Amino acid sequence: VQFSESGGGLVPPGGSLRLSCGAPSNIFDTYTMGWWRQAPGKERDLVASLTPDGRTGYMDSVKGRFTISRDMTSETLYLQMTNLRPEDTGVYYCWSAGPTSWGQGTQVTVST
């Protein structure tokens, strides 16, 4: 399974975006899923994760601003991002701990 992310864009500081990623429900049921971010010139970092039993985890810099969630009916993983900062800029990738492949990612740019 290769993911396809959407929802990125250019927003000013303080703005919001919601990223989406389609995935088969058996992936949600079985594997931890998450969102990674790769900023320009940096390594890819895990931003948020969601276990099959619903536990979430976040990198410190996004706690209280980002929310990871899933809709089992539509088989979609979301990342709601609020109060965006310039340092949130990067390509965001959907991920699972299962037998899946990286997608193309979706670009998020936070700038005036």
Foldseek 3Di string as FASTA:
>chain_A
DEKDKDWADEAAQQAKIKMKIADQLVLLQQWKKFKWWDDPPGDIGTAKIAHSVGDMDGDPVQPPFWDWDADSVRRMIMIIGGSDDQVRFGFMWIDIPDPYDTYPGHTHGHHD
